[in-house]
């Protein structure tokens, strides 16, 4: 008998780029994980810019096929990022 593959759970987090100043970090910053997510952490992209994410409000995507996930960033979520980063 072949077991069914494990169920997939998809989540989407948003990342925002720090602009208007030099990045304050030279390495990745990971906070203590919070219930249901990783918390907001700082990453450095390939261009050397600092990005914050995945966000304090990770979206759990139920019943969506991977090819149907909208990967665009929701600008309305920026305020919660600002509070979490400060």
N, C-alpha and C. Protein backbone atom coordinates (compact mmCIF):
# COMPACT_ATOMS: atom_id res chain seq x y z
N UNK A 1 0.84 -1.19 0.00
CA UNK A 1 0.00 0.00 0.00
C UNK A 1 0.89 1.25 0.00
N UNK A 2 0.53 2.21 -0.81
CA UNK A 2 1.26 3.47 -0.89
C UNK A 2 0.50 4.52 -0.07
N UNK A 3 1.22 5.14 0.85
CA UNK A 3 0.60 6.20 1.65
C UNK A 3 0.42 7.46 0.81
N UNK A 4 -0.65 8.17 1.11
CA UNK A 4 -0.89 9.45 0.44
C UNK A 4 0.18 10.45 0.89
N UNK A 5 0.55 11.37 0.02
CA UNK A 5 1.54 12.38 0.44
C UNK A 5 0.94 13.26 1.54
N UNK A 6 1.79 13.86 2.35
CA UNK A 6 1.28 14.74 3.40
C UNK A 6 0.52 15.92 2.80
N UNK A 7 -0.45 16.42 3.53
CA UNK A 7 -1.22 17.58 3.09
C UNK A 7 -0.31 18.80 3.03
N UNK A 8 -0.50 19.62 2.03
CA UNK A 8 0.28 20.85 1.90
C UNK A 8 -0.46 22.01 2.54
N UNK A 9 0.27 22.85 3.24
CA UNK A 9 -0.27 24.07 3.82
C UNK A 9 0.52 25.23 3.24
N UNK A 10 -0.18 26.18 2.63
CA UNK A 10 0.48 27.32 2.02
C UNK A 10 0.23 28.57 2.85
N UNK A 11 1.26 29.37 2.98
CA UNK A 11 1.16 30.64 3.69
C UNK A 11 1.88 31.69 2.86
N UNK A 12 1.41 32.92 2.98
CA UNK A 12 2.02 34.02 2.24
C UNK A 12 2.37 35.14 3.20
N UNK A 13 3.60 35.59 3.12
CA UNK A 13 4.03 36.74 3.89
C UNK A 13 4.46 37.84 2.94
N UNK A 14 4.40 39.05 3.38
CA UNK A 14 4.82 40.19 2.58
C UNK A 14 6.17 40.69 3.08
N UNK A 15 6.99 41.17 2.17
CA UNK A 15 8.29 41.76 2.51
C UNK A 15 8.32 43.19 1.99
N UNK A 16 8.86 44.08 2.80
CA UNK A 16 8.96 45.49 2.42
C UNK A 16 10.41 45.92 2.45
N UNK A 17 10.79 46.72 1.46
CA UNK A 17 12.18 47.18 1.32
C UNK A 17 12.39 48.48 2.09
N UNK A 18 13.50 48.55 2.80
CA UNK A 18 13.90 49.76 3.49
C UNK A 18 14.44 50.73 2.44
N UNK A 19 13.88 51.93 2.39
CA UNK A 19 14.32 52.91 1.39
C UNK A 19 14.67 54.22 2.08
N UNK A 20 15.51 55.00 1.41
CA UNK A 20 15.85 56.33 1.90
C UNK A 20 16.98 56.35 2.90
N UNK A 21 17.57 55.21 3.20
CA UNK A 21 18.72 55.17 4.10
C UNK A 21 19.51 53.89 3.87
N UNK A 22 20.74 53.90 4.33
CA UNK A 22 21.59 52.72 4.22
C UNK A 22 21.06 51.64 5.16
N UNK A 23 21.11 50.40 4.73
CA UNK A 23 20.66 49.31 5.58
C UNK A 23 21.44 49.27 6.89
N UNK A 24 20.76 49.10 8.02
CA UNK A 24 21.44 49.14 9.32
C UNK A 24 22.14 47.83 9.70
N UNK A 25 21.98 46.78 8.90
CA UNK A 25 22.51 45.47 9.26
C UNK A 25 23.47 44.95 8.19
N UNK A 26 24.40 44.12 8.62
CA UNK A 26 25.30 43.46 7.68
C UNK A 26 25.06 41.96 7.65
N UNK A 27 24.06 41.50 8.39
CA UNK A 27 23.71 40.08 8.43
C UNK A 27 22.22 39.94 8.72
N UNK A 28 21.70 38.74 8.57
CA UNK A 28 20.28 38.50 8.79
C UNK A 28 19.93 38.64 10.27
N UNK A 29 18.72 39.12 10.54
CA UNK A 29 18.22 39.27 11.91
C UNK A 29 16.94 38.47 12.03
N UNK A 30 16.93 37.49 12.93
CA UNK A 30 15.75 36.66 13.15
C UNK A 30 15.24 36.87 14.57
N UNK A 31 13.98 37.23 14.74
CA UNK A 31 13.42 37.36 16.09
C UNK A 31 13.02 36.00 16.64
N UNK A 32 12.62 35.99 17.89
CA UNK A 32 12.06 34.77 18.47
C UNK A 32 10.73 34.52 17.76
N UNK A 33 10.47 33.29 17.29
CA UNK A 33 9.20 33.01 16.60
C UNK A 33 8.01 33.30 17.50
N UNK A 34 6.92 33.68 16.86
CA UNK A 34 5.68 33.95 17.59
C UNK A 34 4.65 32.90 17.18
N UNK A 35 3.60 32.73 17.95
CA UNK A 35 2.60 31.72 17.58
C UNK A 35 2.07 31.93 16.16
N UNK A 36 2.13 30.90 15.34
CA UNK A 36 1.59 30.97 13.99
C UNK A 36 2.50 31.62 12.97
N UNK A 37 3.72 31.95 13.32
CA UNK A 37 4.58 32.60 12.35
C UNK A 37 6.00 32.79 12.84
N UNK A 38 6.80 33.38 11.98
CA UNK A 38 8.21 33.60 12.29
C UNK A 38 8.49 34.99 12.84
N UNK A 39 7.50 35.86 12.83
CA UNK A 39 7.75 37.24 13.21
C UNK A 39 8.41 37.98 12.06
N UNK A 40 8.63 39.26 12.24
CA UNK A 40 9.27 40.07 11.20
C UNK A 40 10.77 39.96 11.37
N UNK A 41 11.46 39.57 10.31
CA UNK A 41 12.92 39.51 10.36
C UNK A 41 13.50 40.36 9.24
N UNK A 42 14.76 40.70 9.39
CA UNK A 42 15.46 41.51 8.39
C UNK A 42 16.31 40.59 7.53
N UNK A 43 16.19 40.76 6.22
CA UNK A 43 17.01 40.01 5.28
C UNK A 43 17.74 41.01 4.38
N UNK A 44 18.79 40.55 3.78
CA UNK A 44 19.54 41.37 2.84
C UNK A 44 19.43 40.70 1.48
N UNK A 45 18.86 41.42 0.52
CA UNK A 45 18.68 40.81 -0.80
C UNK A 45 19.98 40.82 -1.60
N UNK A 46 19.95 40.24 -2.77
CA UNK A 46 21.17 40.13 -3.58
C UNK A 46 21.74 41.48 -3.99
N UNK A 47 20.92 42.51 -4.00
CA UNK A 47 21.39 43.85 -4.33
C UNK A 47 21.93 44.61 -3.14
N UNK A 48 21.91 43.99 -1.94
CA UNK A 48 22.42 44.63 -0.74
C UNK A 48 21.38 45.44 0.03
N UNK A 49 20.13 45.46 -0.45
CA UNK A 49 19.07 46.20 0.23
C UNK A 49 18.49 45.38 1.39
N UNK A 50 18.03 46.08 2.41
CA UNK A 50 17.39 45.42 3.56
C UNK A 50 15.90 45.31 3.30
N UNK A 51 15.37 44.13 3.55
CA UNK A 51 13.93 43.88 3.44
C UNK A 51 13.45 43.29 4.75
N UNK A 52 12.24 43.68 5.14
CA UNK A 52 11.63 43.18 6.35
C UNK A 52 10.44 42.30 6.00
N UNK A 53 10.31 41.18 6.67
CA UNK A 53 9.20 40.28 6.42
C UNK A 53 9.36 39.01 7.22
N UNK A 54 8.53 38.04 7.11
CA UNK A 54 7.38 37.95 6.24
C UNK A 54 6.18 38.71 6.76
N UNK A 55 6.28 39.26 7.94
CA UNK A 55 5.20 40.10 8.45
C UNK A 55 4.52 39.52 9.66
N UNK A 56 3.90 40.42 10.41
CA UNK A 56 3.19 39.98 11.60
C UNK A 56 1.83 39.38 11.28
N UNK A 57 1.45 39.41 10.03
CA UNK A 57 0.12 38.94 9.63
C UNK A 57 0.20 37.99 8.44
N UNK A 58 0.91 36.90 8.63
CA UNK A 58 1.03 35.89 7.57
C UNK A 58 -0.36 35.40 7.19
N UNK A 59 -0.61 35.28 5.90
CA UNK A 59 -1.90 34.79 5.40
C UNK A 59 -1.81 33.28 5.16
N UNK A 60 -2.65 32.52 5.82
CA UNK A 60 -2.75 31.09 5.55
C UNK A 60 -3.73 30.91 4.41
N UNK A 61 -3.29 30.24 3.36
CA UNK A 61 -4.07 30.11 2.13
C UNK A 61 -4.71 28.73 2.07
N UNK A 62 -6.00 28.69 2.28
CA UNK A 62 -6.74 27.43 2.29
C UNK A 62 -7.41 27.21 0.94
N UNK A 63 -7.32 26.00 0.44
CA UNK A 63 -8.03 25.63 -0.78
C UNK A 63 -7.53 26.31 -2.05
N UNK A 64 -6.29 26.74 -2.06
CA UNK A 64 -5.72 27.41 -3.23
C UNK A 64 -4.62 26.52 -3.80
N UNK A 65 -4.64 26.35 -5.09
CA UNK A 65 -3.58 25.60 -5.76
C UNK A 65 -2.34 26.49 -5.85
N UNK A 66 -1.15 25.91 -5.76
CA UNK A 66 0.08 26.72 -5.80
C UNK A 66 0.16 27.67 -7.00
N UNK A 67 -0.29 27.25 -8.16
CA UNK A 67 -0.21 28.11 -9.34
C UNK A 67 -1.20 29.27 -9.30
N UNK A 68 -2.16 29.23 -8.38
CA UNK A 68 -3.18 30.28 -8.29
C UNK A 68 -2.88 31.31 -7.19
N UNK A 69 -1.76 31.18 -6.51
CA UNK A 69 -1.43 32.11 -5.41
C UNK A 69 -0.98 33.45 -6.00
N UNK A 70 -1.61 34.51 -5.52
CA UNK A 70 -1.25 35.87 -5.93
C UNK A 70 -0.04 36.30 -5.10
N UNK A 71 1.09 36.52 -5.72
CA UNK A 71 2.32 36.86 -5.01
C UNK A 71 2.56 38.36 -4.88
N UNK A 72 1.60 39.18 -5.30
CA UNK A 72 1.80 40.62 -5.19
C UNK A 72 1.75 41.04 -3.71
N UNK A 73 2.47 42.12 -3.39
CA UNK A 73 2.52 42.65 -2.03
C UNK A 73 1.34 43.57 -1.82
N UNK A 74 0.67 43.42 -0.69
CA UNK A 74 -0.48 44.24 -0.36
C UNK A 74 -0.01 45.49 0.40
N UNK A 75 -0.07 46.67 -0.22
CA UNK A 75 0.44 47.88 0.44
C UNK A 75 -0.35 48.24 1.70
N UNK A 76 -1.57 47.74 1.86
CA UNK A 76 -2.38 48.04 3.05
C UNK A 76 -1.81 47.39 4.31
N UNK A 77 -0.90 46.45 4.15
CA UNK A 77 -0.31 45.76 5.30
C UNK A 77 0.93 46.48 5.82
N UNK A 78 1.35 47.55 5.19
CA UNK A 78 2.59 48.24 5.56
C UNK A 78 2.53 48.81 6.98
N UNK A 79 1.38 49.29 7.43
CA UNK A 79 1.29 49.89 8.76
C UNK A 79 1.64 48.88 9.86
N UNK A 80 1.18 47.64 9.72
CA UNK A 80 1.50 46.64 10.74
C UNK A 80 3.00 46.32 10.73
N UNK A 81 3.63 46.43 9.58
CA UNK A 81 5.07 46.22 9.49
C UNK A 81 5.80 47.32 10.22
N UNK A 82 5.38 48.54 10.00
CA UNK A 82 6.05 49.67 10.64
C UNK A 82 6.07 49.49 12.15
N UNK A 83 4.93 49.14 12.73
CA UNK A 83 4.86 48.93 14.17
C UNK A 83 5.75 47.77 14.62
N UNK A 84 5.79 46.69 13.86
CA UNK A 84 6.59 45.52 14.25
C UNK A 84 8.09 45.80 14.13
N UNK A 85 8.49 46.60 13.17
CA UNK A 85 9.91 46.89 12.95
C UNK A 85 10.45 47.87 13.99
N UNK A 86 9.64 48.82 14.37
CA UNK A 86 10.08 49.83 15.33
C UNK A 86 10.40 49.17 16.64
